[in-house]
Amino acid sequence: MEAPTSYCQMVQDQVPTSVHRIYHDTAYGFPLHDDNELFGRLILEINQAGLSWTTILNKEANFRQAYTQFDIATVAHFDEQDRGRLLSDAGIIRNKRKVDAAIQNAQRILALQSSHGSFKAWLDHHFPLTRAEWVKLFKQTFTFTGGEITNEFLLSTGYLPGAHEQDCPIYAHILKQNPPWSKHEPYRQSL
């Protein structure tokens, strides 16, 4: 049997309650408008580096709890005691660089909110960029972001096309929500 070539193909035979099927059908590629949810997705993508996405999806609720529902202002003010708590929390990924990145990125997002009104407004201000331009911008702005993390963050939040195949039933649902990429003709043509 041939291995699936896309996430859509991978999940099509999974039970509706599998973590991948739920993520695929309800979150992946759907535009996010809430800054805290955007920040949460960035935390999850950063923590996936070097690990399987299954591990991250299985720990998503733990991440949400450990990082105070992804509240940017709260995480930005985490101190050494909070770092210690996170590094001893077996429910999340206990990696000092990833924990530090979450706190530093929360601080950077607070600055973006101050200058642009919101994290989403900052993303919208820079849209559309090529993948390479997005990666460069993210590396200049955030900690622990590279090509794969930036690409998956943007795919998963509707800023880049390609999260779903066009014949995937979820693709039509996403289009109805007008993700940023759907309003930009060169992105639409790239599919």
N, C-alpha and C. Protein backbone atom coordinates (compact mmCIF):
# COMPACT_ATOMS: atom_id res chain seq x y z
N MET A 1 0.84 -1.18 0.00
CA MET A 1 0.00 0.00 0.00
C MET A 1 0.88 1.24 0.00
N GLU A 2 0.52 2.21 -0.82
CA GLU A 2 1.30 3.44 -0.95
C GLU A 2 1.06 4.34 0.26
N ALA A 3 2.14 4.97 0.73
CA ALA A 3 2.03 5.88 1.87
C ALA A 3 1.27 7.13 1.46
N PRO A 4 0.50 7.72 2.40
CA PRO A 4 -0.22 8.95 2.07
C PRO A 4 0.75 10.06 1.71
N THR A 5 0.35 10.89 0.76
CA THR A 5 1.21 11.98 0.32
C THR A 5 0.81 13.31 0.94
N SER A 6 -0.29 13.36 1.64
CA SER A 6 -0.73 14.60 2.25
C SER A 6 -1.37 14.31 3.60
N TYR A 7 -1.50 15.37 4.37
CA TYR A 7 -2.17 15.24 5.66
C TYR A 7 -3.62 14.81 5.46
N CYS A 8 -4.27 15.35 4.45
CA CYS A 8 -5.66 14.99 4.16
C CYS A 8 -5.78 13.48 3.92
N GLN A 9 -4.88 12.93 3.12
CA GLN A 9 -4.91 11.49 2.85
C GLN A 9 -4.59 10.69 4.10
N MET A 10 -3.67 11.20 4.91
CA MET A 10 -3.28 10.47 6.12
C MET A 10 -4.46 10.30 7.08
N VAL A 11 -5.28 11.33 7.21
CA VAL A 11 -6.34 11.27 8.23
C VAL A 11 -7.65 10.69 7.72
N GLN A 12 -7.81 10.51 6.42
CA GLN A 12 -9.11 10.12 5.89
C GLN A 12 -9.61 8.79 6.44
N ASP A 13 -8.72 7.87 6.79
CA ASP A 13 -9.15 6.58 7.33
C ASP A 13 -9.13 6.52 8.84
N GLN A 14 -8.78 7.63 9.49
CA GLN A 14 -8.75 7.63 10.95
C GLN A 14 -10.15 7.86 11.51
N VAL A 15 -10.37 7.33 12.70
CA VAL A 15 -11.67 7.52 13.34
C VAL A 15 -11.86 9.00 13.64
N PRO A 16 -13.10 9.48 13.63
CA PRO A 16 -13.36 10.91 13.84
C PRO A 16 -12.85 11.46 15.17
N THR A 17 -12.58 10.58 16.14
CA THR A 17 -12.11 11.06 17.44
C THR A 17 -10.59 11.05 17.58
N SER A 18 -9.87 10.68 16.53
CA SER A 18 -8.41 10.69 16.62
C SER A 18 -7.92 12.14 16.67
N VAL A 19 -6.80 12.37 17.35
CA VAL A 19 -6.30 13.75 17.50
C VAL A 19 -5.99 14.37 16.14
N HIS A 20 -5.47 13.58 15.22
CA HIS A 20 -5.15 14.12 13.89
C HIS A 20 -6.42 14.46 13.11
N ARG A 21 -7.41 13.61 13.20
CA ARG A 21 -8.67 13.87 12.47
C ARG A 21 -9.35 15.12 13.02
N ILE A 22 -9.38 15.27 14.33
CA ILE A 22 -9.99 16.45 14.94
C ILE A 22 -9.23 17.71 14.51
N TYR A 23 -7.91 17.67 14.60
CA TYR A 23 -7.10 18.83 14.21
C TYR A 23 -7.31 19.16 12.73
N HIS A 24 -7.24 18.14 11.88
CA HIS A 24 -7.42 18.32 10.44
C HIS A 24 -8.79 18.93 10.13
N ASP A 25 -9.83 18.42 10.75
CA ASP A 25 -11.20 18.81 10.42
C ASP A 25 -11.65 20.11 11.07
N THR A 26 -10.97 20.54 12.14
CA THR A 26 -11.48 21.71 12.88
C THR A 26 -10.48 22.84 13.07
N ALA A 27 -9.21 22.60 12.81
CA ALA A 27 -8.22 23.64 13.12
C ALA A 27 -7.23 23.91 12.00
N TYR A 28 -6.70 22.88 11.37
CA TYR A 28 -5.61 23.05 10.42
C TYR A 28 -6.05 23.83 9.19
N GLY A 29 -5.42 25.00 8.99
CA GLY A 29 -5.71 25.83 7.84
C GLY A 29 -6.82 26.83 8.04
N PHE A 30 -7.57 26.69 9.14
CA PHE A 30 -8.64 27.64 9.42
C PHE A 30 -8.03 28.95 9.92
N PRO A 31 -8.53 30.08 9.42
CA PRO A 31 -7.96 31.35 9.87
C PRO A 31 -8.24 31.59 11.35
N LEU A 32 -7.24 32.08 12.05
CA LEU A 32 -7.37 32.44 13.46
C LEU A 32 -7.39 33.96 13.56
N HIS A 33 -8.24 34.48 14.43
CA HIS A 33 -8.37 35.92 14.59
C HIS A 33 -7.95 36.39 15.97
N ASP A 34 -7.90 35.48 16.92
CA ASP A 34 -7.58 35.81 18.30
C ASP A 34 -6.06 35.73 18.52
N ASP A 35 -5.49 36.80 19.03
CA ASP A 35 -4.04 36.84 19.24
C ASP A 35 -3.55 35.71 20.15
N ASN A 36 -4.29 35.41 21.20
CA ASN A 36 -3.85 34.35 22.11
C ASN A 36 -3.83 32.99 21.41
N GLU A 37 -4.81 32.75 20.54
CA GLU A 37 -4.83 31.49 19.80
C GLU A 37 -3.70 31.44 18.77
N LEU A 38 -3.42 32.57 18.14
CA LEU A 38 -2.27 32.62 17.22
C LEU A 38 -0.97 32.33 17.99
N PHE A 39 -0.83 32.94 19.15
CA PHE A 39 0.34 32.70 19.98
C PHE A 39 0.42 31.23 20.40
N GLY A 40 -0.73 30.66 20.76
CA GLY A 40 -0.76 29.25 21.14
C GLY A 40 -0.31 28.35 20.00
N ARG A 41 -0.75 28.67 18.79
CA ARG A 41 -0.33 27.86 17.64
C ARG A 41 1.18 27.98 17.42
N LEU A 42 1.72 29.18 17.64
CA LEU A 42 3.17 29.36 17.52
C LEU A 42 3.91 28.52 18.57
N ILE A 43 3.41 28.52 19.79
CA ILE A 43 4.01 27.68 20.84
C ILE A 43 3.99 26.22 20.43
N LEU A 44 2.86 25.74 19.93
CA LEU A 44 2.76 24.33 19.54
C LEU A 44 3.72 24.01 18.40
N GLU A 45 3.80 24.89 17.41
CA GLU A 45 4.70 24.64 16.28
C GLU A 45 6.16 24.63 16.74
N ILE A 46 6.53 25.54 17.61
CA ILE A 46 7.90 25.56 18.12
C ILE A 46 8.20 24.28 18.89
N ASN A 47 7.26 23.83 19.69
CA ASN A 47 7.49 22.63 20.50
C ASN A 47 7.51 21.36 19.67
N GLN A 48 6.95 21.39 18.48
CA GLN A 48 6.97 20.22 17.62
C GLN A 48 8.35 19.96 17.04
N ALA A 49 9.20 20.96 16.96
CA ALA A 49 10.53 20.80 16.36
C ALA A 49 11.25 19.59 16.96
N GLY A 50 11.60 18.66 16.09
CA GLY A 50 12.31 17.46 16.51
C GLY A 50 11.43 16.36 17.07
N LEU A 51 10.13 16.60 17.12
CA LEU A 51 9.18 15.63 17.67
C LEU A 51 8.07 15.38 16.66
N SER A 52 7.20 14.44 16.98
CA SER A 52 6.07 14.17 16.09
C SER A 52 4.91 15.12 16.43
N TRP A 53 4.13 15.43 15.41
CA TRP A 53 2.95 16.26 15.62
C TRP A 53 1.94 15.53 16.49
N THR A 54 1.94 14.21 16.45
CA THR A 54 1.06 13.42 17.31
C THR A 54 1.35 13.73 18.78
N THR A 55 2.62 13.79 19.14
CA THR A 55 3.01 14.11 20.52
C THR A 55 2.45 15.46 20.93
N ILE A 56 2.56 16.44 20.06
CA ILE A 56 2.09 17.79 20.38
C ILE A 56 0.57 17.81 20.50
N LEU A 57 -0.13 17.18 19.56
CA LEU A 57 -1.59 17.15 19.64
C LEU A 57 -2.08 16.45 20.90
N ASN A 58 -1.39 15.39 21.30
CA ASN A 58 -1.78 14.68 22.53
C ASN A 58 -1.54 15.53 23.78
N LYS A 59 -0.63 16.48 23.69
CA LYS A 59 -0.31 17.33 24.84
C LYS A 59 -0.91 18.73 24.74
N GLU A 60 -1.72 18.99 23.72
CA GLU A 60 -2.23 20.34 23.49
C GLU A 60 -2.97 20.91 24.70
N ALA A 61 -3.83 20.14 25.31
CA ALA A 61 -4.57 20.63 26.49
C ALA A 61 -3.60 20.95 27.63
N ASN A 62 -2.56 20.16 27.77
CA ASN A 62 -1.55 20.42 28.81
C ASN A 62 -0.81 21.73 28.53
N PHE A 63 -0.47 21.95 27.25
CA PHE A 63 0.19 23.21 26.87
C PHE A 63 -0.72 24.39 27.21
N ARG A 64 -1.98 24.25 26.86
CA ARG A 64 -2.94 25.33 27.11
C ARG A 64 -3.01 25.66 28.60
N GLN A 65 -3.02 24.64 29.43
CA GLN A 65 -3.08 24.86 30.88
C GLN A 65 -1.76 25.42 31.40
N ALA A 66 -0.65 24.85 30.98
CA ALA A 66 0.66 25.28 31.48
C ALA A 66 0.98 26.73 31.09
N TYR A 67 0.51 27.13 29.91
CA TYR A 67 0.76 28.48 29.42
C TYR A 67 -0.48 29.37 29.56
N THR A 68 -1.20 29.19 30.64
CA THR A 68 -2.34 30.04 31.05
C THR A 68 -3.28 30.37 29.90
N GLN A 69 -3.75 29.32 29.22
CA GLN A 69 -4.68 29.48 28.09
C GLN A 69 -4.05 30.31 26.96
N PHE A 70 -2.73 30.28 26.89
CA PHE A 70 -1.96 31.02 25.88
C PHE A 70 -2.15 32.53 26.01
N ASP A 71 -2.40 32.98 27.21
CA ASP A 71 -2.57 34.41 27.45
C ASP A 71 -1.21 35.11 27.29
N ILE A 72 -1.10 35.89 26.25
CA ILE A 72 0.18 36.52 25.89
C ILE A 72 0.72 37.38 27.02
N ALA A 73 -0.11 38.24 27.58
CA ALA A 73 0.34 39.17 28.63
C ALA A 73 0.84 38.43 29.85
N THR A 74 0.17 37.36 30.21
CA THR A 74 0.60 36.58 31.38
C THR A 74 1.92 35.87 31.10
N VAL A 75 2.01 35.19 29.95
CA VAL A 75 3.24 34.46 29.62
C VAL A 75 4.42 35.41 29.48
N ALA A 76 4.19 36.59 28.96
CA ALA A 76 5.27 37.58 28.79
C ALA A 76 5.89 37.96 30.13
N HIS A 77 5.15 37.80 31.20
CA HIS A 77 5.64 38.16 32.53
C HIS A 77 6.03 36.95 33.38
N PHE A 78 6.13 35.77 32.75
CA PHE A 78 6.60 34.60 33.48
C PHE A 78 8.00 34.87 34.01
N ASP A 79 8.26 34.40 35.23
CA ASP A 79 9.56 34.60 35.87
C ASP A 79 10.27 33.25 36.03
N GLU A 80 11.36 33.27 36.80
CA GLU A 80 12.14 32.03 37.00
C GLU A 80 11.31 30.93 37.65
N GLN A 81 10.42 31.28 38.53
CA GLN A 81 9.55 30.28 39.16
C GLN A 81 8.65 29.63 38.11
N ASP A 82 8.12 30.44 37.21
CA ASP A 82 7.29 29.90 36.13
C ASP A 82 8.12 29.01 35.20
N ARG A 83 9.34 29.44 34.88
CA ARG A 83 10.22 28.61 34.05
C ARG A 83 10.45 27.26 34.72
N GLY A 84 10.74 27.29 36.01
CA GLY A 84 10.94 26.05 36.74
C GLY A 84 9.71 25.15 36.71
N ARG A 85 8.54 25.75 36.87
CA ARG A 85 7.28 25.00 36.83
C ARG A 85 7.12 24.35 35.46
N LEU A 86 7.38 25.10 34.40
CA LEU A 86 7.24 24.56 33.05
C LEU A 86 8.25 23.45 32.78
N LEU A 87 9.48 23.65 33.23
CA LEU A 87 10.52 22.64 32.98
C LEU A 87 10.33 21.36 33.79
N SER A 88 9.47 21.41 34.79
CA SER A 88 9.19 20.20 35.57
C SER A 88 7.81 19.61 35.24
N ASP A 89 7.11 20.18 34.28
CA ASP A 89 5.77 19.73 33.90
C ASP A 89 5.87 18.64 32.83
N ALA A 90 5.64 17.40 33.24
CA ALA A 90 5.74 16.26 32.32
C ALA A 90 4.64 16.27 31.26
N GLY A 91 3.63 17.11 31.43
CA GLY A 91 2.54 17.18 30.47
C GLY A 91 2.86 17.96 29.22
N ILE A 92 3.98 18.70 29.24
CA ILE A 92 4.40 19.47 28.06
C ILE A 92 5.81 19.02 27.67
N ILE A 93 6.40 19.73 26.74
CA ILE A 93 7.78 19.44 26.34
C ILE A 93 8.69 20.24 27.26
N ARG A 94 9.54 19.54 27.99
CA ARG A 94 10.41 20.19 28.97
C ARG A 94 11.77 20.48 28.34
N ASN A 95 11.79 21.51 27.55
CA ASN A 95 13.00 21.92 26.84
C ASN A 95 13.23 23.39 27.15
N LYS A 96 14.37 23.70 27.76
CA LYS A 96 14.65 25.07 28.20
C LYS A 96 14.58 26.07 27.05
N ARG A 97 15.14 25.73 25.91
CA ARG A 97 15.11 26.66 24.77
C ARG A 97 13.68 26.93 24.30
N LYS A 98 12.85 25.91 24.31
CA LYS A 98 11.46 26.07 23.86
C LYS A 98 10.64 26.84 24.88
N VAL A 99 10.87 26.60 26.16
CA VAL A 99 10.19 27.35 27.22
C VAL A 99 10.61 28.82 27.14
N ASP A 100 11.91 29.06 27.04
CA ASP A 100 12.40 30.44 26.93
C ASP A 100 11.84 31.13 25.68
N ALA A 101 11.74 30.38 24.57
CA ALA A 101 11.19 30.96 23.34
C ALA A 101 9.74 31.39 23.53
N ALA A 102 8.96 30.59 24.23
CA ALA A 102 7.56 30.96 24.46
C ALA A 102 7.47 32.28 25.23
N ILE A 103 8.28 32.43 26.25
CA ILE A 103 8.25 33.65 27.06
C ILE A 103 8.76 34.84 26.26
N GLN A 104 9.88 34.66 25.57
CA GLN A 104 10.44 35.75 24.77
C GLN A 104 9.51 36.14 23.63
N ASN A 105 8.88 35.16 22.99
CA ASN A 105 7.97 35.46 21.89
C ASN A 105 6.71 36.16 22.40
N ALA A 106 6.27 35.82 23.60
CA ALA A 106 5.13 36.54 24.18
C ALA A 106 5.50 38.01 24.39
N GLN A 107 6.70 38.25 24.84
CA GLN A 107 7.16 39.64 25.03
C GLN A 107 7.23 40.37 23.69
N ARG A 108 7.68 39.69 22.67
CA ARG A 108 7.77 40.31 21.34
C ARG A 108 6.38 40.58 20.76
N ILE A 109 5.45 39.67 21.02
CA ILE A 109 4.08 39.87 20.54
C ILE A 109 3.44 41.05 21.27
N LEU A 110 3.73 41.22 22.56
CA LEU A 110 3.22 42.41 23.26
C LEU A 110 3.70 43.68 22.58
N ALA A 111 4.95 43.70 22.16
CA ALA A 111 5.48 44.87 21.46
C ALA A 111 4.78 45.05 20.11
N LEU A 112 4.50 43.95 19.42
CA LEU A 112 3.79 44.03 18.13
C LEU A 112 2.36 44.54 18.35
N GLN A 113 1.74 44.10 19.43
CA GLN A 113 0.39 44.59 19.74
C GLN A 113 0.43 46.09 20.00
N SER A 114 1.46 46.54 20.66
CA SER A 114 1.60 47.97 20.95
C SER A 114 1.80 48.78 19.67
N SER A 115 2.59 48.26 18.75
CA SER A 115 2.88 49.01 17.52
C SER A 115 1.85 48.83 16.42
N HIS A 116 1.16 47.68 16.39
CA HIS A 116 0.23 47.38 15.29
C HIS A 116 -1.21 47.18 15.74
N GLY A 117 -1.46 47.17 17.03
CA GLY A 117 -2.82 46.95 17.54
C GLY A 117 -3.09 45.51 17.91
N SER A 118 -2.48 44.57 17.20
CA SER A 118 -2.64 43.15 17.52
C SER A 118 -1.58 42.35 16.77
N PHE A 119 -1.38 41.12 17.21
CA PHE A 119 -0.49 40.19 16.51
C PHE A 119 -1.06 39.92 15.12
N LYS A 120 -2.38 39.70 15.05
CA LYS A 120 -3.02 39.46 13.76
C LYS A 120 -2.83 40.66 12.82
N ALA A 121 -2.97 41.87 13.34
CA ALA A 121 -2.77 43.07 12.50
C ALA A 121 -1.35 43.13 11.97
N TRP A 122 -0.37 42.70 12.78
CA TRP A 122 1.02 42.65 12.33
C TRP A 122 1.17 41.64 11.19
N LEU A 123 0.56 40.46 11.35
CA LEU A 123 0.60 39.46 10.28
C LEU A 123 -0.07 40.00 9.02
N ASP A 124 -1.25 40.61 9.19
CA ASP A 124 -1.98 41.17 8.04
C ASP A 124 -1.18 42.29 7.37
N HIS A 125 -0.49 43.07 8.17
CA HIS A 125 0.33 44.18 7.63
C HIS A 125 1.41 43.65 6.68
N HIS A 126 1.96 42.49 6.99
CA HIS A 126 3.04 41.93 6.18
C HIS A 126 2.54 41.02 5.07
N PHE A 127 1.26 40.69 5.09
CA PHE A 127 0.69 39.81 4.07
C PHE A 127 0.49 40.58 2.78
N PRO A 128 0.76 40.02 1.61
CA PRO A 128 1.32 38.70 1.37
C PRO A 128 2.84 38.77 1.20
N LEU A 129 3.49 37.80 1.70
CA LEU A 129 4.92 37.61 1.47
C LEU A 129 5.13 36.22 0.90
N THR A 130 6.26 36.00 0.29
CA THR A 130 6.61 34.65 -0.14
C THR A 130 7.00 33.86 1.11
N ARG A 131 7.07 32.56 0.98
CA ARG A 131 7.50 31.74 2.12
C ARG A 131 8.88 32.20 2.62
N ALA A 132 9.79 32.43 1.69
CA ALA A 132 11.15 32.84 2.08
C ALA A 132 11.13 34.17 2.82
N GLU A 133 10.30 35.10 2.37
CA GLU A 133 10.20 36.40 3.05
C GLU A 133 9.58 36.25 4.44
N TRP A 134 8.56 35.39 4.55
CA TRP A 134 7.97 35.13 5.88
C TRP A 134 9.01 34.55 6.83
N VAL A 135 9.77 33.59 6.35
CA VAL A 135 10.78 32.94 7.20
C VAL A 135 11.79 33.98 7.68
N LYS A 136 12.25 34.82 6.78
CA LYS A 136 13.21 35.87 7.15
C LYS A 136 12.60 36.80 8.20
N LEU A 137 11.36 37.22 7.99
CA LEU A 137 10.69 38.11 8.93
C LEU A 137 10.53 37.45 10.30
N PHE A 138 10.10 36.19 10.32
CA PHE A 138 9.91 35.48 11.59
C PHE A 138 11.24 35.29 12.32
N LYS A 139 12.29 34.97 11.59
CA LYS A 139 13.61 34.80 12.22
C LYS A 139 14.11 36.12 12.82
N GLN A 140 13.77 37.23 12.16
CA GLN A 140 14.17 38.54 12.68
C GLN A 140 13.32 38.96 13.88
N THR A 141 12.11 38.47 13.96
CA THR A 141 11.15 38.94 14.96
C THR A 141 11.06 38.02 16.17
N PHE A 142 11.10 36.73 15.95
CA PHE A 142 10.84 35.75 17.02
C PHE A 142 12.05 34.88 17.32
N THR A 143 11.96 34.20 18.42
CA THR A 143 12.99 33.25 18.86
C THR A 143 12.55 31.84 18.48
N PHE A 144 13.50 31.01 18.07
CA PHE A 144 13.29 29.60 17.79
C PHE A 144 12.31 29.39 16.62
N THR A 145 12.43 30.20 15.60
CA THR A 145 11.61 29.99 14.40
C THR A 145 12.54 29.85 13.20
N GLY A 146 12.26 28.87 12.41
CA GLY A 146 12.99 28.65 11.17
C GLY A 146 12.00 28.36 10.07
N GLY A 147 12.48 27.78 9.00
CA GLY A 147 11.63 27.55 7.84
C GLY A 147 10.43 26.67 8.10
N GLU A 148 10.64 25.52 8.71
CA GLU A 148 9.54 24.57 8.93
C GLU A 148 8.52 25.12 9.93
N ILE A 149 9.00 25.68 11.02
CA ILE A 149 8.09 26.22 12.04
C ILE A 149 7.26 27.36 11.45
N THR A 150 7.91 28.28 10.75
CA THR A 150 7.21 29.41 10.15
C THR A 150 6.21 28.94 9.11
N ASN A 151 6.63 28.04 8.24
CA ASN A 151 5.75 27.53 7.20
C ASN A 151 4.51 26.86 7.80
N GLU A 152 4.70 25.98 8.77
CA GLU A 152 3.56 25.28 9.37
C GLU A 152 2.66 26.24 10.14
N PHE A 153 3.24 27.21 10.83
CA PHE A 153 2.42 28.20 11.53
C PHE A 153 1.53 28.93 10.52
N LEU A 154 2.10 29.38 9.40
CA LEU A 154 1.34 30.14 8.42
C LEU A 154 0.33 29.28 7.67
N LEU A 155 0.68 28.04 7.36
CA LEU A 155 -0.27 27.12 6.75
C LEU A 155 -1.44 26.86 7.70
N SER A 156 -1.12 26.60 8.94
CA SER A 156 -2.14 26.19 9.90
C SER A 156 -3.07 27.32 10.32
N THR A 157 -2.67 28.57 10.07
CA THR A 157 -3.49 29.72 10.47
C THR A 157 -4.10 30.45 9.27
N GLY A 158 -3.96 29.89 8.08
CA GLY A 158 -4.62 30.45 6.90
C GLY A 158 -3.86 31.52 6.15
N TYR A 159 -2.59 31.73 6.47
CA TYR A 159 -1.82 32.76 5.77
C TYR A 159 -1.13 32.23 4.52
N LEU A 160 -0.92 30.94 4.44
CA LEU A 160 -0.37 30.32 3.24
C LEU A 160 -1.30 29.20 2.80
N PRO A 161 -1.44 29.01 1.48
CA PRO A 161 -2.28 27.92 0.99
C PRO A 161 -1.56 26.59 1.11
N GLY A 162 -2.34 25.52 1.01
CA GLY A 162 -1.75 24.19 0.95
C GLY A 162 -2.01 23.31 2.15
N ALA A 163 -2.75 23.80 3.13
CA ALA A 163 -3.04 22.96 4.30
C ALA A 163 -3.90 21.76 3.90
N HIS A 164 -4.78 21.95 2.92
CA HIS A 164 -5.68 20.88 2.47
C HIS A 164 -5.65 20.79 0.96
N GLU A 165 -5.86 19.58 0.48
CA GLU A 165 -6.01 19.36 -0.95
C GLU A 165 -7.36 19.95 -1.37
N GLN A 166 -7.46 20.37 -2.62
CA GLN A 166 -8.70 20.99 -3.09
C GLN A 166 -9.89 20.03 -3.06
N ASP A 167 -9.64 18.73 -3.17
CA ASP A 167 -10.75 17.77 -3.13
C ASP A 167 -11.09 17.30 -1.71
N CYS A 168 -10.38 17.81 -0.73
CA CYS A 168 -10.67 17.49 0.66
C CYS A 168 -11.95 18.24 1.06
N PRO A 169 -12.91 17.58 1.71
CA PRO A 169 -14.15 18.26 2.09
C PRO A 169 -13.93 19.47 3.02
N ILE A 170 -12.86 19.47 3.78
CA ILE A 170 -12.58 20.57 4.70
C ILE A 170 -12.13 21.82 3.94
N TYR A 171 -11.53 21.63 2.77
CA TYR A 171 -11.07 22.75 1.95
C TYR A 171 -12.20 23.75 1.71
N ALA A 172 -13.39 23.27 1.36
CA ALA A 172 -14.54 24.15 1.10
C ALA A 172 -14.95 24.91 2.35
N HIS A 173 -14.88 24.27 3.51
CA HIS A 173 -15.22 24.93 4.77
C HIS A 173 -14.24 26.07 5.06
N ILE A 174 -12.98 25.82 4.79
CA ILE A 174 -11.97 26.86 5.02
C ILE A 174 -12.18 28.03 4.07
N LEU A 175 -12.45 27.75 2.81
CA LEU A 175 -12.67 28.83 1.85
C LEU A 175 -13.82 29.74 2.27
N LYS A 176 -14.86 29.18 2.87
CA LYS A 176 -16.00 29.97 3.34
C LYS A 176 -15.60 30.97 4.42
N GLN A 177 -14.48 30.69 5.12
CA GLN A 177 -14.01 31.59 6.18
C GLN A 177 -13.03 32.63 5.67
N ASN A 178 -12.81 32.66 4.37
CA ASN A 178 -11.94 33.66 3.74
C ASN A 178 -10.56 33.78 4.37
N PRO A 179 -9.78 32.70 4.37
CA PRO A 179 -8.42 32.84 4.89
C PRO A 179 -7.65 33.86 4.07
N PRO A 180 -6.67 34.51 4.66
CA PRO A 180 -5.93 35.55 3.92
C PRO A 180 -5.43 35.09 2.55
N TRP A 181 -4.90 33.86 2.45
CA TRP A 181 -4.35 33.42 1.17
C TRP A 181 -5.41 33.38 0.07
N SER A 182 -6.68 33.14 0.43
CA SER A 182 -7.73 33.00 -0.58
C SER A 182 -8.07 34.32 -1.26
N LYS A 183 -7.64 35.43 -0.66
CA LYS A 183 -7.92 36.75 -1.22
C LYS A 183 -6.77 37.26 -2.10
N HIS A 184 -5.74 36.45 -2.24
CA HIS A 184 -4.56 36.87 -2.98
C HIS A 184 -4.37 35.94 -4.18
N GLU A 185 -4.63 36.47 -5.36
CA GLU A 185 -4.67 35.66 -6.58
C GLU A 185 -3.41 34.81 -6.82
N PRO A 186 -2.19 35.34 -6.66
CA PRO A 186 -1.02 34.47 -6.88
C PRO A 186 -1.01 33.24 -5.96
N TYR A 187 -1.51 33.39 -4.72
CA TYR A 187 -1.58 32.24 -3.82
C TYR A 187 -2.60 31.24 -4.33
N ARG A 188 -3.76 31.76 -4.78
CA ARG A 188 -4.81 30.86 -5.28
C ARG A 188 -4.30 30.10 -6.50
N GLN A 189 -3.55 30.77 -7.36
CA GLN A 189 -3.05 30.14 -8.57
C GLN A 189 -1.99 29.08 -8.28
N SER A 190 -1.36 29.17 -7.10
CA SER A 190 -0.29 28.22 -6.77
C SER A 190 -0.84 26.85 -6.39
N LEU A 191 -2.12 26.75 -6.19
CA LEU A 191 -2.71 25.47 -5.79
C LEU A 191 -2.88 24.52 -6.96
